[in-house]
Amino acid sequence: MTAFHEIRFPTDLSFGSVGGPERRTRVVTLASGREERQTPWRHSRRRYDAGLGLRRLDDLHELVAFFEARRGRLHGFRWKDWLDFKSCPPSQNPSPTDQLLGFGDGSRREFQLQKAYLSGGASYERPIFKPVEDSLLAAVEGAPASPSLDPTTGLLTFPSPPPAGARVTAGFLFDTPVRFDTDRLEIDLAGFEAGAAPSIPIIEIRP
């Protein structure tokens, strides 16, 4: 991923943000009134607004410094999504068997981190590209394993290939790769002091 700074947006500022996943669906209504629905997107894309996390003038100062150091939209950065930053529910701690990454075949050594979202028999597997370093717990067929982790790509590499048919699983913390979705900060200082929140749009980056 080019033009990316491996630094996290200040978590005390992102805590009060709003946002979540976005999908794109094309809906065509036929002459009969029935619909055909398609999507050009395989993966969702997350959007946030960091403005609601700003509460003090010092917060604005910290935001401006972060914005300037990223050169606006030029450089991406890490974002902690407080609703979705673990391989497990937010109230739990990650375990080595949280997420199925795949099955060994006796020769494959590399596995991409991913998180599955399950509901009513349907599922979506989201690739995880920005794990938090030192948070990884991995297992092969439930037995603890110690693969190396690239925290900039989410790629695990085992020292030797997991046996054929063996379940490869992992638990972890992760960030979302994002960038500012504006090259201009427009902050009304009088309005801010009166309780008005500026709009600070943030958008997920796809590798």
C-alpha atoms as a PDB file:
ATOM      1  CA  MET A   1       0.000   0.000   0.000  1.00  0.00           C
ATOM      2  CA  THR A   2       1.599   3.271  -1.124  1.00  0.00           C
ATOM      3  CA  ALA A   3       1.606   6.617   0.684  1.00  0.00           C
ATOM      4  CA  PHE A   4       0.714   5.057   4.028  1.00  0.00           C
ATOM      5  CA  HIS A   5       1.957   6.138   7.449  1.00  0.00           C
ATOM      6  CA  GLU A   6       1.978   3.343  10.028  1.00  0.00           C
ATOM      7  CA  ILE A   7       0.571   5.584  12.742  1.00  0.00           C
ATOM      8  CA  ARG A   8      -2.806   5.434  14.459  1.00  0.00           C
ATOM      9  CA  PHE A   9      -5.192   8.375  14.592  1.00  0.00           C
ATOM     10  CA  PRO A  10      -5.357   9.508  18.249  1.00  0.00           C
ATOM     11  CA  THR A  11      -7.720   7.072  19.930  1.00  0.00           C
ATOM     12  CA  ASP A  12      -9.060   9.636  22.378  1.00  0.00           C
ATOM     13  CA  LEU A  13     -10.316  11.597  19.367  1.00  0.00           C
ATOM     14  CA  SER A  14     -11.714   8.630  17.425  1.00  0.00           C
ATOM     15  CA  PHE A  15     -13.666   7.298  20.417  1.00  0.00           C
ATOM     16  CA  GLY A  16     -16.565   9.707  19.911  1.00  0.00           C
ATOM     17  CA  SER A  17     -16.669   9.376  16.121  1.00  0.00           C
ATOM     18  CA  VAL A  18     -19.582   8.113  14.047  1.00  0.00           C
ATOM     19  CA  GLY A  19     -19.470   5.769  11.069  1.00  0.00           C
ATOM     20  CA  GLY A  20     -19.426   2.192   9.869  1.00  0.00           C
ATOM     21  CA  PRO A  21     -19.416  -0.044   6.770  1.00  0.00           C
ATOM     22  CA  GLU A  22     -20.807   1.082   3.437  1.00  0.00           C
ATOM     23  CA  ARG A  23     -21.999  -1.142   0.590  1.00  0.00           C
ATOM     24  CA  ARG A  24     -22.825  -0.263  -3.006  1.00  0.00           C
ATOM     25  CA  THR A  25     -25.822  -1.998  -4.547  1.00  0.00           C
ATOM     26  CA  ARG A  26     -27.294  -1.407  -7.993  1.00  0.00           C
ATOM     27  CA  VAL A  27     -31.058  -1.847  -7.947  1.00  0.00           C
ATOM     28  CA  VAL A  28     -32.914  -2.199 -11.268  1.00  0.00           C
ATOM     29  CA  THR A  29     -36.713  -2.234 -11.184  1.00  0.00           C
ATOM     30  CA  LEU A  30     -38.150  -4.353 -14.017  1.00  0.00           C
ATOM     31  CA  ALA A  31     -41.370  -3.625 -15.887  1.00  0.00           C
ATOM     32  CA  SER A  32     -43.050  -6.281 -13.775  1.00  0.00           C
ATOM     33  CA  GLY A  33     -42.121  -4.396 -10.605  1.00  0.00           C
ATOM     34  CA  ARG A  34     -39.612  -7.009  -9.564  1.00  0.00           C
ATOM     35  CA  GLU A  35     -36.083  -5.985  -8.695  1.00  0.00           C
ATOM     36  CA  GLU A  36     -32.652  -7.150  -9.767  1.00  0.00           C
ATOM     37  CA  ARG A  37     -29.862  -6.283  -7.353  1.00  0.00           C
ATOM     38  CA  GLN A  38     -26.138  -6.448  -8.053  1.00  0.00           C
ATOM     39  CA  THR A  39     -23.009  -5.077  -6.465  1.00  0.00           C
ATOM     40  CA  PRO A  40     -19.691  -4.098  -8.069  1.00  0.00           C
ATOM     41  CA  TRP A  41     -18.020  -4.273  -4.650  1.00  0.00           C
ATOM     42  CA  ARG A  42     -16.710  -7.506  -3.199  1.00  0.00           C
ATOM     43  CA  HIS A  43     -15.802  -5.806   0.076  1.00  0.00           C
ATOM     44  CA  SER A  44     -17.490  -3.113   2.105  1.00  0.00           C
ATOM     45  CA  ARG A  45     -15.848   0.259   2.688  1.00  0.00           C
ATOM     46  CA  ARG A  46     -15.972   2.091   5.990  1.00  0.00           C
ATOM     47  CA  ARG A  47     -16.585   5.782   6.461  1.00  0.00           C
ATOM     48  CA  TYR A  48     -16.283   7.796   9.642  1.00  0.00           C
ATOM     49  CA  ASP A  49     -16.625  11.355  10.875  1.00  0.00           C
ATOM     50  CA  ALA A  50     -14.061  12.230  13.529  1.00  0.00           C
ATOM     51  CA  GLY A  51     -15.622  15.606  14.325  1.00  0.00           C
ATOM     52  CA  LEU A  52     -17.825  14.346  17.149  1.00  0.00           C
ATOM     53  CA  GLY A  53     -14.751  13.124  19.036  1.00  0.00           C
ATOM     54  CA  LEU A  54     -13.429  16.661  19.466  1.00  0.00           C
ATOM     55  CA  ARG A  55     -14.279  18.227  22.811  1.00  0.00           C
ATOM     56  CA  ARG A  56     -11.533  20.697  23.682  1.00  0.00           C
ATOM     57  CA  LEU A  57      -9.360  23.247  21.932  1.00  0.00           C
ATOM     58  CA  ASP A  58      -6.401  20.976  22.601  1.00  0.00           C
ATOM     59  CA  ASP A  59      -8.223  18.282  20.606  1.00  0.00           C
ATOM     60  CA  LEU A  60      -8.432  20.659  17.646  1.00  0.00           C
ATOM     61  CA  HIS A  61      -4.739  21.412  17.979  1.00  0.00           C
ATOM     62  CA  GLU A  62      -3.925  17.691  17.965  1.00  0.00           C
ATOM     63  CA  LEU A  63      -6.182  17.123  14.950  1.00  0.00           C
ATOM     64  CA  VAL A  64      -4.606  19.918  12.926  1.00  0.00           C
ATOM     65  CA  ALA A  65      -1.115  18.570  13.647  1.00  0.00           C
ATOM     66  CA  PHE A  66      -2.157  15.058  12.549  1.00  0.00           C
ATOM     67  CA  PHE A  67      -3.888  16.411   9.420  1.00  0.00           C
ATOM     68  CA  GLU A  68      -0.892  18.506   8.396  1.00  0.00           C
ATOM     69  CA  ALA A  69       1.557  15.639   8.969  1.00  0.00           C
ATOM     70  CA  ARG A  70      -0.543  13.426   6.676  1.00  0.00           C
ATOM     71  CA  ARG A  71      -0.739  16.231   4.074  1.00  0.00           C
ATOM     72  CA  GLY A  72      -4.535  16.012   3.983  1.00  0.00           C
ATOM     73  CA  ARG A  73      -5.670  13.158   1.737  1.00  0.00           C
ATOM     74  CA  LEU A  74      -2.138  12.292   0.590  1.00  0.00           C
ATOM     75  CA  HIS A  75      -1.058   9.779   3.235  1.00  0.00           C
ATOM     76  CA  GLY A  76      -3.133   7.015   4.772  1.00  0.00           C
ATOM     77  CA  PHE A  77      -3.026   6.049   8.423  1.00  0.00           C
ATOM     78  CA  ARG A  78      -4.443   3.597  10.958  1.00  0.00           C
ATOM     79  CA  TRP A  79      -7.847   4.067  12.567  1.00  0.00           C
ATOM     80  CA  LYS A  80      -9.237   2.267  15.607  1.00  0.00           C
ATOM     81  CA  ASP A  81     -12.896   1.477  14.995  1.00  0.00           C
ATOM     82  CA  TRP A  82     -14.143   1.184  18.562  1.00  0.00           C
ATOM     83  CA  LEU A  83     -17.081  -0.948  17.428  1.00  0.00           C
ATOM     84  CA  ASP A  84     -14.989  -3.403  15.410  1.00  0.00           C
ATOM     85  CA  PHE A  85     -11.321  -3.771  16.338  1.00  0.00           C
ATOM     86  CA  LYS A  86     -11.081  -7.354  17.618  1.00  0.00           C
ATOM     87  CA  SER A  87     -11.310 -10.843  16.166  1.00  0.00           C
ATOM     88  CA  CYS A  88     -14.042 -11.425  18.764  1.00  0.00           C
ATOM     89  CA  PRO A  89     -16.906  -9.333  20.220  1.00  0.00           C
ATOM     90  CA  PRO A  90     -15.759  -6.061  21.874  1.00  0.00           C
ATOM     91  CA  SER A  91     -16.509  -7.324  25.402  1.00  0.00           C
ATOM     92  CA  GLN A  92     -14.293 -10.406  24.994  1.00  0.00           C
ATOM     93  CA  ASN A  93     -10.558 -11.028  24.676  1.00  0.00           C
ATOM     94  CA  PRO A  94      -9.081 -12.546  21.515  1.00  0.00           C
ATOM     95  CA  SER A  95      -8.320 -16.264  21.563  1.00  0.00           C
ATOM     96  CA  PRO A  96      -6.233 -18.376  19.130  1.00  0.00           C
ATOM     97  CA  THR A  97      -9.349 -20.019  17.657  1.00  0.00           C
ATOM     98  CA  ASP A  98     -11.438 -16.888  16.985  1.00  0.00           C
ATOM     99  CA  GLN A  99     -11.099 -16.806  13.202  1.00  0.00           C
ATOM    100  CA  LEU A 100     -10.545 -19.548  10.630  1.00  0.00           C
ATOM    101  CA  LEU A 101      -7.849 -18.464   8.177  1.00  0.00           C
ATOM    102  CA  GLY A 102      -7.820 -21.623   6.090  1.00  0.00           C
ATOM    103  CA  PHE A 103      -6.603 -25.208   5.996  1.00  0.00           C
ATOM    104  CA  GLY A 104      -3.082 -26.516   5.631  1.00  0.00           C
ATOM    105  CA  ASP A 105      -2.141 -28.460   2.515  1.00  0.00           C
ATOM    106  CA  GLY A 106       1.324 -29.607   3.550  1.00  0.00           C
ATOM    107  CA  SER A 107       3.123 -26.953   1.495  1.00  0.00           C
ATOM    108  CA  ARG A 108       1.413 -23.616   2.133  1.00  0.00           C
ATOM    109  CA  ARG A 109       3.140 -21.458   4.757  1.00  0.00           C
ATOM    110  CA  GLU A 110       1.412 -18.079   4.322  1.00  0.00           C
ATOM    111  CA  PHE A 111      -2.095 -17.185   5.500  1.00  0.00           C
ATOM    112  CA  GLN A 112      -3.892 -13.827   5.344  1.00  0.00           C
ATOM    113  CA  LEU A 113      -5.644 -12.603   8.464  1.00  0.00           C
ATOM    114  CA  GLN A 114      -9.384 -12.262   8.006  1.00  0.00           C
ATOM    115  CA  LYS A 115     -12.520 -11.796  10.038  1.00  0.00           C
ATOM    116  CA  ALA A 116     -15.817 -13.549   9.298  1.00  0.00           C
ATOM    117  CA  TYR A 117     -19.179 -11.862   9.839  1.00  0.00           C
ATOM    118  CA  LEU A 118     -21.903 -14.492  10.247  1.00  0.00           C
ATOM    119  CA  SER A 119     -25.676 -14.088  10.304  1.00  0.00           C
ATOM    120  CA  GLY A 120     -28.490 -16.490   9.460  1.00  0.00           C
ATOM    121  CA  GLY A 121     -26.365 -18.888   7.461  1.00  0.00           C
ATOM    122  CA  ALA A 122     -24.767 -16.134   5.359  1.00  0.00           C
ATOM    123  CA  SER A 123     -21.247 -14.844   5.885  1.00  0.00           C
ATOM    124  CA  TYR A 124     -18.745 -12.252   4.736  1.00  0.00           C
ATOM    125  CA  GLU A 125     -14.975 -12.661   5.089  1.00  0.00           C
ATOM    126  CA  ARG A 126     -13.140  -9.385   5.527  1.00  0.00           C
ATOM    127  CA  PRO A 127      -9.363  -9.337   4.913  1.00  0.00           C
ATOM    128  CA  ILE A 128      -7.454  -7.741   7.787  1.00  0.00           C
ATOM    129  CA  PHE A 129      -4.432  -5.784   6.585  1.00  0.00           C
ATOM    130  CA  LYS A 130      -3.466  -3.733   9.651  1.00  0.00           C
ATOM    131  CA  PRO A 131      -3.250  -5.988  12.720  1.00  0.00           C
ATOM    132  CA  VAL A 132      -1.941  -4.553  15.960  1.00  0.00           C
ATOM    133  CA  GLU A 133       1.609  -5.742  16.475  1.00  0.00           C
ATOM    134  CA  ASP A 134       2.129  -8.205  19.350  1.00  0.00           C
ATOM    135  CA  SER A 135      -1.616  -8.943  19.585  1.00  0.00           C
ATOM    136  CA  LEU A 136      -1.572 -12.145  17.511  1.00  0.00           C
ATOM    137  CA  LEU A 137      -2.585 -15.511  18.972  1.00  0.00           C
ATOM    138  CA  ALA A 138      -2.412 -18.344  16.426  1.00  0.00           C
ATOM    139  CA  ALA A 139      -3.187 -22.054  16.458  1.00  0.00           C
ATOM    140  CA  VAL A 140      -3.040 -25.083  14.164  1.00  0.00           C
ATOM    141  CA  GLU A 141      -5.775 -27.612  14.953  1.00  0.00           C
ATOM    142  CA  GLY A 142      -6.197 -25.863  18.308  1.00  0.00           C
ATOM    143  CA  ALA A 143      -2.533 -26.190  19.299  1.00  0.00           C
ATOM    144  CA  PRO A 144      -0.685 -22.893  19.907  1.00  0.00           C
ATOM    145  CA  ALA A 145       1.543 -21.853  17.008  1.00  0.00           C
ATOM    146  CA  SER A 146       4.108 -19.081  16.523  1.00  0.00           C
ATOM    147  CA  PRO A 147       4.049 -17.795  12.945  1.00  0.00           C
ATOM    148  CA  SER A 148       5.686 -14.495  12.071  1.00  0.00           C
ATOM    149  CA  LEU A 149       3.304 -11.611  11.385  1.00  0.00           C
ATOM    150  CA  ASP A 150       3.732  -8.691   9.027  1.00  0.00           C
ATOM    151  CA  PRO A 151       1.773  -5.915  10.823  1.00  0.00           C
ATOM    152  CA  THR A 152       1.683  -3.820   7.643  1.00  0.00           C
ATOM    153  CA  THR A 153      -0.110  -6.454   5.536  1.00  0.00           C
ATOM    154  CA  GLY A 154      -1.715  -8.934   7.960  1.00  0.00           C
ATOM    155  CA  LEU A 155       0.166 -11.853   6.408  1.00  0.00           C
ATOM    156  CA  LEU A 156       1.154 -14.785   8.642  1.00  0.00           C
ATOM    157  CA  THR A 157       4.137 -16.959   7.748  1.00  0.00           C
ATOM    158  CA  PHE A 158       4.642 -20.291   9.480  1.00  0.00           C
ATOM    159  CA  PRO A 159       8.177 -21.670   9.882  1.00  0.00           C
ATOM    160  CA  SER A 160       6.930 -24.962   8.431  1.00  0.00           C
ATOM    161  CA  PRO A 161       3.734 -25.703   6.486  1.00  0.00           C
ATOM    162  CA  PRO A 162       0.720 -26.752   8.574  1.00  0.00           C
ATOM    163  CA  PRO A 163      -0.266 -30.386   7.869  1.00  0.00           C
ATOM    164  CA  ALA A 164      -2.797 -31.118   5.145  1.00  0.00           C
ATOM    165  CA  GLY A 165      -6.347 -30.535   6.377  1.00  0.00           C
ATOM    166  CA  ALA A 166      -5.246 -28.775   9.590  1.00  0.00           C
ATOM    167  CA  ARG A 167      -7.364 -25.807  10.669  1.00  0.00           C
ATOM    168  CA  VAL A 168      -5.327 -22.618  10.866  1.00  0.00           C
ATOM    169  CA  THR A 169      -6.934 -20.071  13.224  1.00  0.00           C
ATOM    170  CA  ALA A 170      -6.018 -16.805  14.906  1.00  0.00           C
ATOM    171  CA  GLY A 171      -7.158 -14.122  17.311  1.00  0.00           C
ATOM    172  CA  PHE A 172      -5.941 -10.525  17.111  1.00  0.00           C
ATOM    173  CA  LEU A 173      -6.580  -6.818  17.432  1.00  0.00           C
ATOM    174  CA  PHE A 174      -6.610  -4.699  14.287  1.00  0.00           C
ATOM    175  CA  ASP A 175      -6.904  -1.212  12.848  1.00  0.00           C
ATOM    176  CA  THR A 176      -8.648  -0.039   9.686  1.00  0.00           C
ATOM    177  CA  PRO A 177      -6.467   1.581   6.977  1.00  0.00           C
ATOM    178  CA  VAL A 178      -7.957   4.993   6.189  1.00  0.00           C
ATOM    179  CA  ARG A 179      -7.225   8.492   4.933  1.00  0.00           C
ATOM    180  CA  PHE A 180      -8.804  11.895   5.323  1.00  0.00           C
ATOM    181  CA  ASP A 181     -11.548  12.413   2.758  1.00  0.00           C
ATOM    182  CA  THR A 182     -10.861  16.123   2.505  1.00  0.00           C
ATOM    183  CA  ASP A 183      -7.897  18.382   1.819  1.00  0.00           C
ATOM    184  CA  ARG A 184      -9.435  21.216   3.799  1.00  0.00           C
ATOM    185  CA  LEU A 185     -10.271  21.616   7.464  1.00  0.00           C
ATOM    186  CA  GLU A 186     -12.944  24.231   8.023  1.00  0.00           C
ATOM    187  CA  ILE A 187     -13.456  24.802  11.731  1.00  0.00           C
ATOM    188  CA  ASP A 188     -15.710  27.465  13.190  1.00  0.00           C
ATOM    189  CA  LEU A 189     -14.026  28.198  16.503  1.00  0.00           C
ATOM    190  CA  ALA A 190     -16.994  30.146  17.872  1.00  0.00           C
ATOM    191  CA  GLY A 191     -19.357  27.366  16.871  1.00  0.00           C
ATOM    192  CA  PHE A 192     -17.066  24.747  18.381  1.00  0.00           C
ATOM    193  CA  GLU A 193     -16.997  26.547  21.712  1.00  0.00           C
ATOM    194  CA  ALA A 194     -20.803  26.688  21.551  1.00  0.00           C
ATOM    195  CA  GLY A 195     -20.995  22.902  21.116  1.00  0.00           C
ATOM    196  CA  ALA A 196     -21.071  22.536  17.313  1.00  0.00           C
ATOM    197  CA  ALA A 197     -18.929  19.672  15.952  1.00  0.00           C
ATOM    198  CA  PRO A 198     -16.910  20.179  12.743  1.00  0.00           C
ATOM    199  CA  SER A 199     -17.112  17.568   9.996  1.00  0.00           C
ATOM    200  CA  ILE A 200     -13.882  15.553   9.657  1.00  0.00           C
ATOM    201  CA  PRO A 201     -14.569  12.851   7.021  1.00  0.00           C
ATOM    202  CA  ILE A 202     -12.456   9.685   7.105  1.00  0.00           C
ATOM    203  CA  ILE A 203     -12.642   6.903   4.500  1.00  0.00           C
ATOM    204  CA  GLU A 204     -11.238   3.379   4.373  1.00  0.00           C
ATOM    205  CA  ILE A 205      -8.401   2.632   1.948  1.00  0.00           C
ATOM    206  CA  ARG A 206      -8.518  -0.546  -0.099  1.00  0.00           C
ATOM    207  CA  PRO A 207      -5.158  -2.174  -0.840  1.00  0.00           C
END
